[in-house]
């Protein structure tokens, strides 16, 4: 997955500026991003603090690691079942 140009702190500060009354078009022009990207960030990080966003990132990383471990375990289990059913 591509890393964002903006940190969580920058994204949340942009959202707070928008909530304070700055238009989305002005924010996007000033920061160099599209309005679609801004609204995607707002949907993901809206209502969060910086510490909440950092916790979210660590939880997403942990979730990805656990999913990989589960996939490896399921693959090993399937391989062992195949070996057990074969007749030599």
C-alpha atoms as a PDB file:
ATOM      1  CA  UNK A   1       0.000   0.000   0.000  1.00  0.00           C
ATOM      2  CA  UNK A   2       1.280   3.450  -0.883  1.00  0.00           C
ATOM      3  CA  UNK A   3       2.335   5.665   1.996  1.00  0.00           C
ATOM      4  CA  UNK A   4       0.499   8.964   2.309  1.00  0.00           C
ATOM      5  CA  UNK A   5       2.359  12.233   1.792  1.00  0.00           C
ATOM      6  CA  UNK A   6       0.668  13.606   4.862  1.00  0.00           C
ATOM      7  CA  UNK A   7       0.997  12.469   8.443  1.00  0.00           C
ATOM      8  CA  UNK A   8      -2.031  11.846  10.603  1.00  0.00           C
ATOM      9  CA  UNK A   9      -1.381  15.132  12.379  1.00  0.00           C
ATOM     10  CA  UNK A  10      -1.405  17.081   9.094  1.00  0.00           C
ATOM     11  CA  UNK A  11      -4.593  15.371   7.910  1.00  0.00           C
ATOM     12  CA  UNK A  12      -6.399  16.052  11.173  1.00  0.00           C
ATOM     13  CA  UNK A  13      -5.289  19.692  11.126  1.00  0.00           C
ATOM     14  CA  UNK A  14      -6.699  20.029   7.580  1.00  0.00           C
ATOM     15  CA  UNK A  15     -10.008  18.556   8.732  1.00  0.00           C
ATOM     16  CA  UNK A  16     -10.116  20.940  11.701  1.00  0.00           C
ATOM     17  CA  UNK A  17      -9.484  23.891   9.360  1.00  0.00           C
ATOM     18  CA  UNK A  18     -12.395  22.751   7.210  1.00  0.00           C
ATOM     19  CA  UNK A  19     -14.610  22.437  10.279  1.00  0.00           C
ATOM     20  CA  UNK A  20     -13.605  25.988  11.257  1.00  0.00           C
ATOM     21  CA  UNK A  21     -15.036  27.334   8.011  1.00  0.00           C
ATOM     22  CA  UNK A  22     -12.325  27.146   5.330  1.00  0.00           C
ATOM     23  CA  UNK A  23     -13.724  25.770   2.087  1.00  0.00           C
ATOM     24  CA  UNK A  24     -12.579  22.379   0.868  1.00  0.00           C
ATOM     25  CA  UNK A  25     -11.480  23.815  -2.483  1.00  0.00           C
ATOM     26  CA  UNK A  26      -9.172  26.332  -0.784  1.00  0.00           C
ATOM     27  CA  UNK A  27      -7.691  23.685   1.489  1.00  0.00           C
ATOM     28  CA  UNK A  28      -7.074  21.322  -1.400  1.00  0.00           C
ATOM     29  CA  UNK A  29      -5.449  24.021  -3.503  1.00  0.00           C
ATOM     30  CA  UNK A  30      -3.200  25.131  -0.648  1.00  0.00           C
ATOM     31  CA  UNK A  31      -2.094  21.620   0.312  1.00  0.00           C
ATOM     32  CA  UNK A  32      -1.953  20.187  -3.205  1.00  0.00           C
ATOM     33  CA  UNK A  33      -4.468  17.365  -3.031  1.00  0.00           C
ATOM     34  CA  UNK A  34      -7.736  16.585  -4.753  1.00  0.00           C
ATOM     35  CA  UNK A  35     -11.104  17.129  -3.137  1.00  0.00           C
ATOM     36  CA  UNK A  36     -11.824  13.400  -3.412  1.00  0.00           C
ATOM     37  CA  UNK A  37      -8.711  12.648  -1.379  1.00  0.00           C
ATOM     38  CA  UNK A  38      -9.663  15.276   1.185  1.00  0.00           C
ATOM     39  CA  UNK A  39     -13.129  13.812   1.636  1.00  0.00           C
ATOM     40  CA  UNK A  40     -11.645  10.305   1.865  1.00  0.00           C
ATOM     41  CA  UNK A  41      -9.376  11.541   4.656  1.00  0.00           C
ATOM     42  CA  UNK A  42     -12.332  13.256   6.308  1.00  0.00           C
ATOM     43  CA  UNK A  43     -14.357  10.029   6.229  1.00  0.00           C
ATOM     44  CA  UNK A  44     -11.480   8.086   7.761  1.00  0.00           C
ATOM     45  CA  UNK A  45     -10.098  10.590  10.279  1.00  0.00           C
ATOM     46  CA  UNK A  46     -13.098  12.870  10.948  1.00  0.00           C
ATOM     47  CA  UNK A  47     -13.737  13.317  14.664  1.00  0.00           C
ATOM     48  CA  UNK A  48     -10.412  11.804  15.703  1.00  0.00           C
ATOM     49  CA  UNK A  49      -7.541  13.240  17.636  1.00  0.00           C
ATOM     50  CA  UNK A  50      -3.931  12.644  16.657  1.00  0.00           C
ATOM     51  CA  UNK A  51      -3.480   9.967  19.320  1.00  0.00           C
ATOM     52  CA  UNK A  52      -6.620   8.163  18.087  1.00  0.00           C
ATOM     53  CA  UNK A  53      -5.239   8.146  14.542  1.00  0.00           C
ATOM     54  CA  UNK A  54      -1.910   6.749  15.716  1.00  0.00           C
ATOM     55  CA  UNK A  55      -3.714   3.997  17.636  1.00  0.00           C
ATOM     56  CA  UNK A  56      -5.743   3.216  14.519  1.00  0.00           C
ATOM     57  CA  UNK A  57      -2.572   2.881  12.448  1.00  0.00           C
ATOM     58  CA  UNK A  58      -0.963   0.500  14.959  1.00  0.00           C
ATOM     59  CA  UNK A  59      -4.147  -1.577  15.140  1.00  0.00           C
ATOM     60  CA  UNK A  60      -4.282  -1.804  11.327  1.00  0.00           C
ATOM     61  CA  UNK A  61      -0.660  -2.970  11.240  1.00  0.00           C
ATOM     62  CA  UNK A  62      -1.328  -5.560  13.940  1.00  0.00           C
ATOM     63  CA  UNK A  63      -4.447  -6.751  12.117  1.00  0.00           C
ATOM     64  CA  UNK A  64      -2.468  -7.209   8.892  1.00  0.00           C
ATOM     65  CA  UNK A  65       0.221  -9.175  10.721  1.00  0.00           C
ATOM     66  CA  UNK A  66      -2.369 -11.439  12.335  1.00  0.00           C
ATOM     67  CA  UNK A  67      -4.104 -12.045   9.003  1.00  0.00           C
ATOM     68  CA  UNK A  68      -0.807 -13.123   7.446  1.00  0.00           C
ATOM     69  CA  UNK A  69      -0.138 -15.485  10.356  1.00  0.00           C
ATOM     70  CA  UNK A  70      -3.605 -17.005  10.011  1.00  0.00           C
ATOM     71  CA  UNK A  71      -3.157 -17.501   6.254  1.00  0.00           C
ATOM     72  CA  UNK A  72       0.183 -19.240   6.808  1.00  0.00           C
ATOM     73  CA  UNK A  73      -1.317 -21.497   9.487  1.00  0.00           C
ATOM     74  CA  UNK A  74      -4.243 -22.415   7.234  1.00  0.00           C
ATOM     75  CA  UNK A  75      -1.837 -23.200   4.379  1.00  0.00           C
ATOM     76  CA  UNK A  76       0.268 -25.427   6.648  1.00  0.00           C
ATOM     77  CA  UNK A  77      -2.877 -27.163   7.887  1.00  0.00           C
ATOM     78  CA  UNK A  78      -4.064 -27.842   4.342  1.00  0.00           C
ATOM     79  CA  UNK A  79      -0.646 -29.229   3.382  1.00  0.00           C
ATOM     80  CA  UNK A  80      -0.652 -31.572   6.389  1.00  0.00           C
ATOM     81  CA  UNK A  81      -4.146 -32.799   5.519  1.00  0.00           C
ATOM     82  CA  UNK A  82      -3.031 -33.543   1.959  1.00  0.00           C
ATOM     83  CA  UNK A  83      -0.054 -35.539   3.248  1.00  0.00           C
ATOM     84  CA  UNK A  84      -2.250 -37.466   5.683  1.00  0.00           C
ATOM     85  CA  UNK A  85      -4.764 -38.509   3.025  1.00  0.00           C
ATOM     86  CA  UNK A  86      -2.224 -39.740   0.457  1.00  0.00           C
ATOM     87  CA  UNK A  87      -1.474 -43.461   0.408  1.00  0.00           C
ATOM     88  CA  UNK A  88       2.127 -44.455  -0.058  1.00  0.00           C
END
